[in-house]
Amino acid sequence: QSLGVDSTVSLLRLLATAGDDNGLLECRATAPTLPHVTASASAKLTVHYVPEATISIDGVGGLASGGTGAAGFRAGDSATLKCTARANPPAYNQTFMFNMRRTKTQACDVLRHLS
C-alpha cells in the first residue's frame, strides 16, 4: 500500500501465542538506491494468555509432565508434588485436586498419606 511517491506501508497479521509474550517485533526499511542504510523501529509484545498447568512428582514412581502419566505408589510412600502454572497475567491460585476433590494439602507441602 502506498501513501505517495516517497511512502510505503507494509502490514503484518500476527496470531499471537503464549510463546510470543515479551517478544520483540521489529520493522526494517531499506531503499534500493541506499542499500547500506537501514531504518528500523521495534515494539515489545505483551500477550495475555490463560494458565497452562503442569504437575510433577519428586520421590517415588513418577508422573509424566503435564499430568498425563501414572504415578506408582505403595501405602506409606511419600513424595513432593509440584504444580507449575504459566500465565500472563500470572496465575494467582493453584489447587491440588484428588479424584475431583480439593485436597487439604497446600502447595509446597509434602503429601504423606495416599489411600
PDB file of N, CA and C in Angstrom:
ATOM      1  N   GLN A   1       0.863  -1.178   0.000  1.00  0.00           N
ATOM      2  CA  GLN A   1       0.000   0.000   0.000  1.00  0.00           C
ATOM      3  C   GLN A   1       0.900   1.229   0.000  1.00  0.00           C
ATOM      4  N   SER A   2       0.648   2.136  -0.864  1.00  0.00           N
ATOM      5  CA  SER A   2       1.485   3.326  -0.997  1.00  0.00           C
ATOM      6  C   SER A   2       0.748   4.571  -0.510  1.00  0.00           C
ATOM      7  N   LEU A   3       1.491   5.474   0.158  1.00  0.00           N
ATOM      8  CA  LEU A   3       0.917   6.739   0.649  1.00  0.00           C
ATOM      9  C   LEU A   3       1.348   7.916  -0.210  1.00  0.00           C
ATOM     10  N   GLY A   4       2.056   7.674  -1.239  1.00  0.00           N
ATOM     11  CA  GLY A   4       2.597   8.729  -2.097  1.00  0.00           C
ATOM     12  C   GLY A   4       3.895   8.235  -2.701  1.00  0.00           C
ATOM     13  N   VAL A   5       4.573   9.127  -3.389  1.00  0.00           N
ATOM     14  CA  VAL A   5       5.793   8.722  -4.073  1.00  0.00           C
ATOM     15  C   VAL A   5       6.894   8.293  -3.107  1.00  0.00           C
ATOM     16  N   ASP A   6       6.933   8.887  -1.921  1.00  0.00           N
ATOM     17  CA  ASP A   6       8.029   8.586  -1.003  1.00  0.00           C
ATOM     18  C   ASP A   6       7.610   7.793   0.235  1.00  0.00           C
ATOM     19  N   SER A   7       6.424   7.206   0.253  1.00  0.00           N
ATOM     20  CA  SER A   7       5.953   6.451   1.416  1.00  0.00           C
ATOM     21  C   SER A   7       5.433   5.076   1.008  1.00  0.00           C
ATOM     22  N   THR A   8       5.713   4.086   1.833  1.00  0.00           N
ATOM     23  CA  THR A   8       5.208   2.732   1.620  1.00  0.00           C
ATOM     24  C   THR A   8       4.773   2.168   2.964  1.00  0.00           C
ATOM     25  N   VAL A   9       3.668   1.410   2.962  1.00  0.00           N
ATOM     26  CA  VAL A   9       3.166   0.775   4.180  1.00  0.00           C
ATOM     27  C   VAL A   9       3.111  -0.730   3.954  1.00  0.00           C
ATOM     28  N   SER A  10       3.616  -1.485   4.898  1.00  0.00           N
ATOM     29  CA  SER A  10       3.508  -2.949   4.866  1.00  0.00           C
ATOM     30  C   SER A  10       2.712  -3.388   6.086  1.00  0.00           C
ATOM     31  N   LEU A  11       1.883  -4.396   5.924  1.00  0.00           N
ATOM     32  CA  LEU A  11       1.061  -4.901   7.024  1.00  0.00           C
ATOM     33  C   LEU A  11       1.470  -6.325   7.366  1.00  0.00           C
ATOM     34  N   LEU A  12       1.463  -6.638   8.638  1.00  0.00           N
ATOM     35  CA  LEU A  12       1.721  -7.988   9.122  1.00  0.00           C
ATOM     36  C   LEU A  12       0.566  -8.375  10.027  1.00  0.00           C
ATOM     37  N   ARG A  13      -0.057  -9.498   9.757  1.00  0.00           N
ATOM     38  CA  ARG A  13      -1.107 -10.013  10.636  1.00  0.00           C
ATOM     39  C   ARG A  13      -0.474 -11.112  11.469  1.00  0.00           C
ATOM     40  N   LEU A  14      -0.527 -10.939  12.778  1.00  0.00           N
ATOM     41  CA  LEU A  14       0.122 -11.864  13.707  1.00  0.00           C
ATOM     42  C   LEU A  14      -0.925 -12.531  14.579  1.00  0.00           C
ATOM     43  N   LEU A  15      -0.946 -13.834  14.592  1.00  0.00           N
ATOM     44  CA  LEU A  15      -1.789 -14.585  15.513  1.00  0.00           C
ATOM     45  C   LEU A  15      -0.906 -14.900  16.717  1.00  0.00           C
ATOM     46  N   ALA A  16      -1.061 -14.122  17.768  1.00  0.00           N
ATOM     47  CA  ALA A  16      -0.178 -14.219  18.926  1.00  0.00           C
ATOM     48  C   ALA A  16      -0.402 -15.509  19.712  1.00  0.00           C
ATOM     49  N   THR A  17       0.688 -16.069  20.226  1.00  0.00           N
ATOM     50  CA  THR A  17       0.647 -17.244  21.098  1.00  0.00           C
ATOM     51  C   THR A  17       1.378 -16.909  22.395  1.00  0.00           C
ATOM     52  N   ALA A  18       1.270 -17.773  23.377  1.00  0.00           N
ATOM     53  CA  ALA A  18       1.949 -17.565  24.657  1.00  0.00           C
ATOM     54  C   ALA A  18       3.450 -17.405  24.455  1.00  0.00           C
ATOM     55  N   GLY A  19       4.009 -18.120  23.496  1.00  0.00           N
ATOM     56  CA  GLY A  19       5.440 -18.033  23.226  1.00  0.00           C
ATOM     57  C   GLY A  19       5.884 -16.684  22.684  1.00  0.00           C
ATOM     58  N   ASP A  20       4.943 -15.872  22.219  1.00  0.00           N
ATOM     59  CA  ASP A  20       5.274 -14.543  21.700  1.00  0.00           C
ATOM     60  C   ASP A  20       5.378 -13.492  22.799  1.00  0.00           C
ATOM     61  N   ASP A  21       4.923 -13.823  24.019  1.00  0.00           N
ATOM     62  CA  ASP A  21       4.939 -12.856  25.114  1.00  0.00           C
ATOM     63  C   ASP A  21       6.366 -12.374  25.377  1.00  0.00           C
ATOM     64  N   ASN A  22       6.525 -11.083  25.541  1.00  0.00           N
ATOM     65  CA  ASN A  22       7.810 -10.409  25.759  1.00  0.00           C
ATOM     66  C   ASN A  22       8.725 -10.465  24.545  1.00  0.00           C
ATOM     67  N   GLY A  23       8.187 -10.868  23.399  1.00  0.00           N
ATOM     68  CA  GLY A  23       8.985 -10.884  22.171  1.00  0.00           C
ATOM     69  C   GLY A  23       9.145  -9.477  21.611  1.00  0.00           C
ATOM     70  N   LEU A  24      10.141  -9.323  20.765  1.00  0.00           N
ATOM     71  CA  LEU A  24      10.412  -8.028  20.159  1.00  0.00           C
ATOM     72  C   LEU A  24      10.051  -8.095  18.682  1.00  0.00           C
ATOM     73  N   LEU A  25       9.145  -7.256  18.258  1.00  0.00           N
ATOM     74  CA  LEU A  25       8.747  -7.162  16.863  1.00  0.00           C
ATOM     75  C   LEU A  25       9.477  -5.970  16.264  1.00  0.00           C
ATOM     76  N   GLU A  26      10.100  -6.191  15.115  1.00  0.00           N
ATOM     77  CA  GLU A  26      10.901  -5.130  14.507  1.00  0.00           C
ATOM     78  C   GLU A  26      10.518  -4.936  13.046  1.00  0.00           C
ATOM     79  N   CYS A  27      10.511  -3.688  12.633  1.00  0.00           N
ATOM     80  CA  CYS A  27      10.255  -3.322  11.237  1.00  0.00           C
ATOM     81  C   CYS A  27      11.532  -2.651  10.716  1.00  0.00           C
ATOM     82  N   ARG A  28      12.046  -3.168   9.605  1.00  0.00           N
ATOM     83  CA  ARG A  28      13.249  -2.579   9.000  1.00  0.00           C
ATOM     84  C   ARG A  28      12.919  -2.114   7.590  1.00  0.00           C
ATOM     85  N   ALA A  29      13.491  -0.991   7.217  1.00  0.00           N
ATOM     86  CA  ALA A  29      13.249  -0.440   5.882  1.00  0.00           C
ATOM     87  C   ALA A  29      14.576  -0.063   5.228  1.00  0.00           C
ATOM     88  N   THR A  30      14.697  -0.425   3.960  1.00  0.00           N
ATOM     89  CA  THR A  30      15.851  -0.027   3.162  1.00  0.00           C
ATOM     90  C   THR A  30      15.342   0.489   1.819  1.00  0.00           C
ATOM     91  N   ALA A  31      16.167   1.242   1.161  1.00  0.00           N
ATOM     92  CA  ALA A  31      15.826   1.772  -0.169  1.00  0.00           C
ATOM     93  C   ALA A  31      16.824   1.210  -1.183  1.00  0.00           C
ATOM     94  N   PRO A  32      16.352   0.872  -2.383  1.00  0.00           N
ATOM     95  CA  PRO A  32      17.259   0.295  -3.382  1.00  0.00           C
ATOM     96  C   PRO A  32      18.435   1.211  -3.738  1.00  0.00           C
ATOM     97  N   THR A  33      18.235   2.505  -3.646  1.00  0.00           N
ATOM     98  CA  THR A  33      19.319   3.428  -4.002  1.00  0.00           C
ATOM     99  C   THR A  33      20.324   3.616  -2.869  1.00  0.00           C
ATOM    100  N   LEU A  34      19.941   3.249  -1.634  1.00  0.00           N
ATOM    101  CA  LEU A  34      20.838   3.345  -0.471  1.00  0.00           C
ATOM    102  C   LEU A  34      20.782   2.042   0.327  1.00  0.00           C
ATOM    103  N   PRO A  35      21.219   0.912  -0.242  1.00  0.00           N
ATOM    104  CA  PRO A  35      21.058  -0.385   0.425  1.00  0.00           C
ATOM    105  C   PRO A  35      21.848  -0.532   1.722  1.00  0.00           C
ATOM    106  N   HIS A  36      22.861   0.301   1.919  1.00  0.00           N
ATOM    107  CA  HIS A  36      23.673   0.208   3.132  1.00  0.00           C
ATOM    108  C   HIS A  36      23.059   0.980   4.307  1.00  0.00           C
ATOM    109  N   VAL A  37      21.984   1.724   4.077  1.00  0.00           N
ATOM    110  CA  VAL A  37      21.316   2.494   5.124  1.00  0.00           C
ATOM    111  C   VAL A  37      20.005   1.798   5.481  1.00  0.00           C
ATOM    112  N   THR A  38      19.834   1.498   6.772  1.00  0.00           N
ATOM    113  CA  THR A  38      18.617   0.819   7.247  1.00  0.00           C
ATOM    114  C   THR A  38      17.966   1.645   8.348  1.00  0.00           C
ATOM    115  N   ALA A  39      16.667   1.811   8.250  1.00  0.00           N
ATOM    116  CA  ALA A  39      15.889   2.439   9.322  1.00  0.00           C
ATOM    117  C   ALA A  39      15.088   1.336   9.993  1.00  0.00           C
ATOM    118  N   SER A  40      14.904   1.435  11.299  1.00  0.00           N
ATOM    119  CA  SER A  40      14.133   0.400  11.995  1.00  0.00           C
ATOM    120  C   SER A  40      13.364   0.980  13.168  1.00  0.00           C
ATOM    121  N   ALA A  41      12.319   0.271  13.538  1.00  0.00           N
ATOM    122  CA  ALA A  41      11.518   0.595  14.724  1.00  0.00           C
ATOM    123  C   ALA A  41      11.113  -0.733  15.340  1.00  0.00           C
ATOM    124  N   SER A  42      10.961  -0.768  16.659  1.00  0.00           N
ATOM    125  CA  SER A  42      10.603  -2.027  17.315  1.00  0.00           C
ATOM    126  C   SER A  42       9.573  -1.790  18.406  1.00  0.00           C
ATOM    127  N   ALA A  43       8.894  -2.869  18.760  1.00  0.00           N
ATOM    128  CA  ALA A  43       7.895  -2.824  19.838  1.00  0.00           C
ATOM    129  C   ALA A  43       7.944  -4.154  20.583  1.00  0.00           C
ATOM    130  N   LYS A  44       7.872  -4.094  21.903  1.00  0.00           N
ATOM    131  CA  LYS A  44       7.840  -5.297  22.731  1.00  0.00           C
ATOM    132  C   LYS A  44       6.388  -5.773  22.810  1.00  0.00           C
ATOM    133  N   LEU A  45       6.178  -7.074  22.569  1.00  0.00           N
ATOM    134  CA  LEU A  45       4.827  -7.626  22.605  1.00  0.00           C
ATOM    135  C   LEU A  45       4.481  -8.117  24.009  1.00  0.00           C
ATOM    136  N   THR A  46       3.300  -7.782  24.461  1.00  0.00           N
ATOM    137  CA  THR A  46       2.749  -8.321  25.700  1.00  0.00           C
ATOM    138  C   THR A  46       1.519  -9.123  25.311  1.00  0.00           C
ATOM    139  N   VAL A  47       1.561 -10.430  25.547  1.00  0.00           N
ATOM    140  CA  VAL A  47       0.461 -11.315  25.177  1.00  0.00           C
ATOM    141  C   VAL A  47      -0.167 -11.867  26.452  1.00  0.00           C
ATOM    142  N   HIS A  48      -1.451 -11.667  26.630  1.00  0.00           N
ATOM    143  CA  HIS A  48      -2.173 -12.228  27.774  1.00  0.00           C
ATOM    144  C   HIS A  48      -2.705 -13.597  27.372  1.00  0.00           C
ATOM    145  N   TYR A  49      -2.527 -14.588  28.245  1.00  0.00           N
ATOM    146  CA  TYR A  49      -2.994 -15.939  27.943  1.00  0.00           C
ATOM    147  C   TYR A  49      -3.386 -16.660  29.225  1.00  0.00           C
ATOM    148  N   VAL A  50      -4.273 -17.643  29.084  1.00  0.00           N
ATOM    149  CA  VAL A  50      -4.787 -18.394  30.229  1.00  0.00           C
ATOM    150  C   VAL A  50      -3.697 -19.312  30.780  1.00  0.00           C
ATOM    151  N   PRO A  51      -3.826 -19.735  32.033  1.00  0.00           N
ATOM    152  CA  PRO A  51      -2.804 -20.609  32.617  1.00  0.00           C
ATOM    153  C   PRO A  51      -2.637 -21.931  31.869  1.00  0.00           C
ATOM    154  N   GLU A  52      -1.377 -22.343  31.764  1.00  0.00           N
ATOM    155  CA  GLU A  52      -1.007 -23.660  31.251  1.00  0.00           C
ATOM    156  C   GLU A  52      -0.373 -24.380  32.436  1.00  0.00           C
ATOM    157  N   ALA A  53      -1.010 -25.434  32.930  1.00  0.00           N
ATOM    158  CA  ALA A  53      -0.545 -26.090  34.148  1.00  0.00           C
ATOM    159  C   ALA A  53       0.162 -27.405  33.842  1.00  0.00           C
ATOM    160  N   THR A  54       1.200 -27.699  34.629  1.00  0.00           N
ATOM    161  CA  THR A  54       1.882 -28.987  34.592  1.00  0.00           C
ATOM    162  C   THR A  54       2.061 -29.459  36.025  1.00  0.00           C
ATOM    163  N   ILE A  55       2.150 -30.759  36.195  1.00  0.00           N
ATOM    164  CA  ILE A  55       2.377 -31.323  37.522  1.00  0.00           C
ATOM    165  C   ILE A  55       3.556 -32.280  37.441  1.00  0.00           C
ATOM    166  N   SER A  56       4.363 -32.279  38.484  1.00  0.00           N
ATOM    167  CA  SER A  56       5.482 -33.210  38.548  1.00  0.00           C
ATOM    168  C   SER A  56       5.555 -33.775  39.963  1.00  0.00           C
ATOM    169  N   ILE A  57       6.100 -34.975  40.056  1.00  0.00           N
ATOM    170  CA  ILE A  57       6.224 -35.649  41.348  1.00  0.00           C
ATOM    171  C   ILE A  57       7.681 -36.013  41.552  1.00  0.00           C
ATOM    172  N   ASP A  58       8.230 -35.602  42.688  1.00  0.00           N
ATOM    173  CA  ASP A  58       9.611 -35.911  43.027  1.00  0.00           C
ATOM    174  C   ASP A  58       9.588 -36.893  44.185  1.00  0.00           C
ATOM    175  N   GLY A  59      10.164 -38.042  43.989  1.00  0.00           N
ATOM    176  CA  GLY A  59      10.175 -39.048  45.056  1.00  0.00           C
ATOM    177  C   GLY A  59       9.969 -40.419  44.476  1.00  0.00           C
ATOM    178  N   VAL A  60       8.836 -41.017  44.745  1.00  0.00           N
ATOM    179  CA  VAL A  60       8.544 -42.382  44.342  1.00  0.00           C
ATOM    180  C   VAL A  60       7.835 -42.416  42.998  1.00  0.00           C
ATOM    181  N   GLY A  61       8.058 -43.462  42.223  1.00  0.00           N
ATOM    182  CA  GLY A  61       7.333 -43.629  40.959  1.00  0.00           C
ATOM    183  C   GLY A  61       7.667 -42.517  40.004  1.00  0.00           C
ATOM    184  N   GLY A  62       6.732 -41.686  39.704  1.00  0.00           N
ATOM    185  CA  GLY A  62       6.951 -40.559  38.807  1.00  0.00           C
ATOM    186  C   GLY A  62       5.707 -40.299  37.993  1.00  0.00           C
ATOM    187  N   LEU A  63       5.599 -39.110  37.485  1.00  0.00           N
ATOM    188  CA  LEU A  63       4.440 -38.721  36.689  1.00  0.00           C
ATOM    189  C   LEU A  63       4.945 -37.933  35.504  1.00  0.00           C
ATOM    190  N   ALA A  64       4.464 -38.261  34.349  1.00  0.00           N
ATOM    191  CA  ALA A  64       4.880 -37.549  33.141  1.00  0.00           C
ATOM    192  C   ALA A  64       4.477 -36.087  33.244  1.00  0.00           C
ATOM    193  N   SER A  65       5.304 -35.210  32.727  1.00  0.00           N
ATOM    194  CA  SER A  65       4.999 -33.789  32.727  1.00  0.00           C
ATOM    195  C   SER A  65       3.664 -33.546  32.027  1.00  0.00           C
ATOM    196  N   GLY A  66       2.871 -32.676  32.599  1.00  0.00           N
ATOM    197  CA  GLY A  66       1.567 -32.379  32.019  1.00  0.00           C
ATOM    198  C   GLY A  66       0.466 -33.195  32.669  1.00  0.00           C
ATOM    199  N   GLY A  67       0.826 -34.110  33.539  1.00  0.00           N
ATOM    200  CA  GLY A  67      -0.183 -34.853  34.276  1.00  0.00           C
ATOM    201  C   GLY A  67      -0.859 -35.950  33.491  1.00  0.00           C
ATOM    202  N   THR A  68      -0.237 -36.465  32.453  1.00  0.00           N
ATOM    203  CA  THR A  68      -0.895 -37.483  31.641  1.00  0.00           C
ATOM    204  C   THR A  68      -0.410 -38.889  31.971  1.00  0.00           C
ATOM    205  N   GLY A  69       0.600 -39.010  32.821  1.00  0.00           N
ATOM    206  CA  GLY A  69       1.147 -40.327  33.143  1.00  0.00           C
ATOM    207  C   GLY A  69       0.502 -40.896  34.388  1.00  0.00           C
ATOM    208  N   ALA A  70       1.042 -42.002  34.853  1.00  0.00           N
ATOM    209  CA  ALA A  70       0.539 -42.633  36.067  1.00  0.00           C
ATOM    210  C   ALA A  70       1.677 -42.729  37.064  1.00  0.00           C
ATOM    211  N   ALA A  71       1.403 -42.377  38.303  1.00  0.00           N
ATOM    212  CA  ALA A  71       2.414 -42.448  39.348  1.00  0.00           C
ATOM    213  C   ALA A  71       2.268 -43.766  40.092  1.00  0.00           C
ATOM    214  N   GLY A  72       3.391 -44.423  40.388  1.00  0.00           N
ATOM    215  CA  GLY A  72       3.359 -45.687  41.110  1.00  0.00           C
ATOM    216  C   GLY A  72       3.700 -45.480  42.577  1.00  0.00           C
ATOM    217  N   PHE A  73       2.729 -45.679  43.442  1.00  0.00           N
ATOM    218  CA  PHE A  73       2.923 -45.510  44.878  1.00  0.00           C
ATOM    219  C   PHE A  73       2.503 -46.780  45.604  1.00  0.00           C
ATOM    220  N   ARG A  74       3.083 -46.974  46.778  1.00  0.00           N
ATOM    221  CA  ARG A  74       2.636 -48.020  47.692  1.00  0.00           C
ATOM    222  C   ARG A  74       2.215 -47.339  48.987  1.00  0.00           C
ATOM    223  N   ALA A  75       1.365 -48.004  49.735  1.00  0.00           N
ATOM    224  CA  ALA A  75       0.923 -47.443  51.021  1.00  0.00           C
ATOM    225  C   ALA A  75       2.142 -47.063  51.848  1.00  0.00           C
ATOM    226  N   GLY A  76       2.132 -45.858  52.393  1.00  0.00           N
ATOM    227  CA  GLY A  76       3.231 -45.372  53.218  1.00  0.00           C
ATOM    228  C   GLY A  76       4.263 -44.566  52.450  1.00  0.00           C
ATOM    229  N   ASP A  77       4.221 -44.592  51.112  1.00  0.00           N
ATOM    230  CA  ASP A  77       5.160 -43.804  50.319  1.00  0.00           C
ATOM    231  C   ASP A  77       4.858 -42.321  50.462  1.00  0.00           C
ATOM    232  N   SER A  78       5.880 -41.498  50.298  1.00  0.00           N
ATOM    233  CA  SER A  78       5.672 -40.050  50.281  1.00  0.00           C
ATOM    234  C   SER A  78       6.423 -39.459  49.100  1.00  0.00           C
ATOM    235  N   ALA A  79       5.966 -38.321  48.670  1.00  0.00           N
ATOM    236  CA  ALA A  79       6.587 -37.639  47.541  1.00  0.00           C
ATOM    237  C   ALA A  79       6.203 -36.170  47.595  1.00  0.00           C
ATOM    238  N   THR A  80       6.931 -35.361  46.861  1.00  0.00           N
ATOM    239  CA  THR A  80       6.619 -33.943  46.747  1.00  0.00           C
ATOM    240  C   THR A  80       5.965 -33.703  45.396  1.00  0.00           C
ATOM    241  N   LEU A  81       4.796 -33.094  45.423  1.00  0.00           N
ATOM    242  CA  LEU A  81       4.077 -32.773  44.192  1.00  0.00           C
ATOM    243  C   LEU A  81       4.259 -31.294  43.905  1.00  0.00           C
ATOM    244  N   LYS A  82       4.510 -30.995  42.652  1.00  0.00           N
ATOM    245  CA  LYS A  82       4.724 -29.604  42.272  1.00  0.00           C
ATOM    246  C   LYS A  82       3.789 -29.260  41.115  1.00  0.00           C
ATOM    247  N   CYS A  83       2.979 -28.235  41.323  1.00  0.00           N
ATOM    248  CA  CYS A  83       2.085 -27.732  40.285  1.00  0.00           C
ATOM    249  C   CYS A  83       2.677 -26.415  39.784  1.00  0.00           C
ATOM    250  N   THR A  84       2.937 -26.361  38.487  1.00  0.00           N
ATOM    251  CA  THR A  84       3.507 -25.159  37.893  1.00  0.00           C
ATOM    252  C   THR A  84       2.510 -24.604  36.880  1.00  0.00           C
ATOM    253  N   ALA A  85       2.207 -23.331  37.019  1.00  0.00           N
ATOM    254  CA  ALA A  85       1.274 -22.683  36.091  1.00  0.00           C
ATOM    255  C   ALA A  85       1.974 -21.512  35.426  1.00  0.00           C
ATOM    256  N   ARG A  86       1.879 -21.464  34.120  1.00  0.00           N
ATOM    257  CA  ARG A  86       2.448 -20.373  33.333  1.00  0.00           C
ATOM    258  C   ARG A  86       1.279 -19.587  32.753  1.00  0.00           C
ATOM    259  N   ALA A  87       1.245 -18.279  33.008  1.00  0.00           N
ATOM    260  CA  ALA A  87       0.143 -17.442  32.526  1.00  0.00           C
ATOM    261  C   ALA A  87       0.558 -15.982  32.514  1.00  0.00           C
ATOM    262  N   ASN A  88      -0.144 -15.188  31.746  1.00  0.00           N
ATOM    263  CA  ASN A  88       0.046 -13.743  31.771  1.00  0.00           C
ATOM    264  C   ASN A  88      -1.335 -13.091  31.684  1.00  0.00           C
ATOM    265  N   PRO A  89      -1.779 -12.402  32.718  1.00  0.00           N
ATOM    266  CA  PRO A  89      -1.060 -12.167  33.968  1.00  0.00           C
ATOM    267  C   PRO A  89      -0.870 -13.465  34.747  1.00  0.00           C
ATOM    268  N   PRO A  90       0.106 -13.483  35.690  1.00  0.00           N
ATOM    269  CA  PRO A  90       0.419 -14.717  36.413  1.00  0.00           C
ATOM    270  C   PRO A  90      -0.797 -15.307  37.130  1.00  0.00           C
ATOM    271  N   ALA A  91      -0.816 -16.645  37.205  1.00  0.00           N
ATOM    272  CA  ALA A  91      -1.891 -17.331  37.932  1.00  0.00           C
ATOM    273  C   ALA A  91      -1.795 -16.940  39.405  1.00  0.00           C
ATOM    274  N   TYR A  92      -2.922 -16.707  40.040  1.00  0.00           N
ATOM    275  CA  TYR A  92      -2.908 -16.293  41.441  1.00  0.00           C
ATOM    276  C   TYR A  92      -3.417 -17.375  42.370  1.00  0.00           C
ATOM    277  N   ASN A  93      -3.915 -18.473  41.831  1.00  0.00           N
ATOM    278  CA  ASN A  93      -4.456 -19.530  42.680  1.00  0.00           C
ATOM    279  C   ASN A  93      -4.138 -20.886  42.057  1.00  0.00           C
ATOM    280  N   GLN A  94      -3.535 -21.748  42.858  1.00  0.00           N
ATOM    281  CA  GLN A  94      -3.276 -23.115  42.426  1.00  0.00           C
ATOM    282  C   GLN A  94      -3.850 -24.041  43.483  1.00  0.00           C
ATOM    283  N   THR A  95      -4.544 -25.070  43.035  1.00  0.00           N
ATOM    284  CA  THR A  95      -5.191 -26.004  43.951  1.00  0.00           C
ATOM    285  C   THR A  95      -4.891 -27.427  43.518  1.00  0.00           C
ATOM    286  N   PHE A  96      -4.529 -28.268  44.470  1.00  0.00           N
ATOM    287  CA  PHE A  96      -4.382 -29.686  44.175  1.00  0.00           C
ATOM    288  C   PHE A  96      -5.737 -30.359  44.328  1.00  0.00           C
ATOM    289  N   MET A  97      -6.073 -31.200  43.363  1.00  0.00           N
ATOM    290  CA  MET A  97      -7.324 -31.951  43.393  1.00  0.00           C
ATOM    291  C   MET A  97      -6.972 -33.432  43.392  1.00  0.00           C
ATOM    292  N   PHE A  98      -7.730 -34.224  44.138  1.00  0.00           N
ATOM    293  CA  PHE A  98      -7.566 -35.676  44.132  1.00  0.00           C
ATOM    294  C   PHE A  98      -8.944 -36.279  43.921  1.00  0.00           C
ATOM    295  N   ASN A  99      -9.115 -37.032  42.822  1.00  0.00           N
ATOM    296  CA  ASN A  99     -10.424 -37.594  42.464  1.00  0.00           C
ATOM    297  C   ASN A  99     -11.509 -36.517  42.457  1.00  0.00           C
ATOM    298  N   MET A 100     -11.202 -35.406  41.820  1.00  0.00           N
ATOM    299  CA  MET A 100     -12.136 -34.290  41.612  1.00  0.00           C
ATOM    300  C   MET A 100     -12.489 -33.543  42.904  1.00  0.00           C
ATOM    301  N   ARG A 101     -11.756 -33.772  43.976  1.00  0.00           N
ATOM    302  CA  ARG A 101     -11.992 -33.043  45.233  1.00  0.00           C
ATOM    303  C   ARG A 101     -10.737 -32.296  45.632  1.00  0.00           C
ATOM    304  N   ARG A 102     -10.939 -31.079  46.139  1.00  0.00           N
ATOM    305  CA  ARG A 102      -9.819 -30.269  46.615  1.00  0.00           C
ATOM    306  C   ARG A 102      -9.156 -30.974  47.795  1.00  0.00           C
ATOM    307  N   THR A 103      -7.817 -31.013  47.784  1.00  0.00           N
ATOM    308  CA  THR A 103      -7.091 -31.646  48.887  1.00  0.00           C
ATOM    309  C   THR A 103      -6.870 -30.636  50.008  1.00  0.00           C
ATOM    310  N   LYS A 104      -6.581 -31.145  51.181  1.00  0.00           N
ATOM    311  CA  LYS A 104      -6.264 -30.276  52.308  1.00  0.00           C
ATOM    312  C   LYS A 104      -4.802 -29.871  52.253  1.00  0.00           C
ATOM    313  N   THR A 105      -4.023 -30.561  51.436  1.00  0.00           N
ATOM    314  CA  THR A 105      -2.601 -30.273  51.293  1.00  0.00           C
ATOM    315  C   THR A 105      -2.419 -29.029  50.439  1.00  0.00           C
ATOM    316  N   GLN A 106      -1.616 -28.108  50.883  1.00  0.00           N
ATOM    317  CA  GLN A 106      -1.367 -26.875  50.160  1.00  0.00           C
ATOM    318  C   GLN A 106      -0.099 -26.998  49.322  1.00  0.00           C
ATOM    319  N   ALA A 107       0.076 -26.078  48.399  1.00  0.00           N
ATOM    320  CA  ALA A 107       1.273 -26.060  47.561  1.00  0.00           C
ATOM    321  C   ALA A 107       2.510 -26.037  48.455  1.00  0.00           C
ATOM    322  N   CYS A 108       3.534 -26.737  48.048  1.00  0.00           N
ATOM    323  CA  CYS A 108       4.814 -26.844  48.741  1.00  0.00           C
ATOM    324  C   CYS A 108       4.748 -27.747  49.970  1.00  0.00           C
ATOM    325  N   ASP A 109       3.602 -28.342  50.278  1.00  0.00           N
ATOM    326  CA  ASP A 109       3.536 -29.323  51.348  1.00  0.00           C
ATOM    327  C   ASP A 109       3.920 -30.677  50.812  1.00  0.00           C
ATOM    328  N   VAL A 110       4.260 -31.590  51.690  1.00  0.00           N
ATOM    329  CA  VAL A 110       4.587 -32.956  51.285  1.00  0.00           C
ATOM    330  C   VAL A 110       3.362 -33.818  51.488  1.00  0.00           C
ATOM    331  N   LEU A 111       2.977 -34.547  50.469  1.00  0.00           N
ATOM    332  CA  LEU A 111       1.834 -35.455  50.560  1.00  0.00           C
ATOM    333  C   LEU A 111       2.339 -36.748  51.189  1.00  0.00           C
ATOM    334  N   ARG A 112       1.860 -37.076  52.375  1.00  0.00           N
ATOM    335  CA  ARG A 112       2.405 -38.220  53.113  1.00  0.00           C
ATOM    336  C   ARG A 112       1.496 -39.425  53.104  1.00  0.00           C
ATOM    337  N   HIS A 113       0.213 -39.249  52.929  1.00  0.00           N
ATOM    338  CA  HIS A 113      -0.697 -40.382  53.018  1.00  0.00           C
ATOM    339  C   HIS A 113      -1.525 -40.506  51.753  1.00  0.00           C
ATOM    340  N   LEU A 114      -1.393 -41.615  51.110  1.00  0.00           N
ATOM    341  CA  LEU A 114      -2.239 -41.918  49.960  1.00  0.00           C
ATOM    342  C   LEU A 114      -2.997 -43.196  50.252  1.00  0.00           C
ATOM    343  N   SER A 115      -4.281 -43.210  49.941  1.00  0.00           N
ATOM    344  CA  SER A 115      -5.039 -44.436  50.183  1.00  0.00           C
ATOM    345  C   SER A 115      -5.808 -44.829  48.957  1.00  0.00           C
TER     346      SER A 115
END
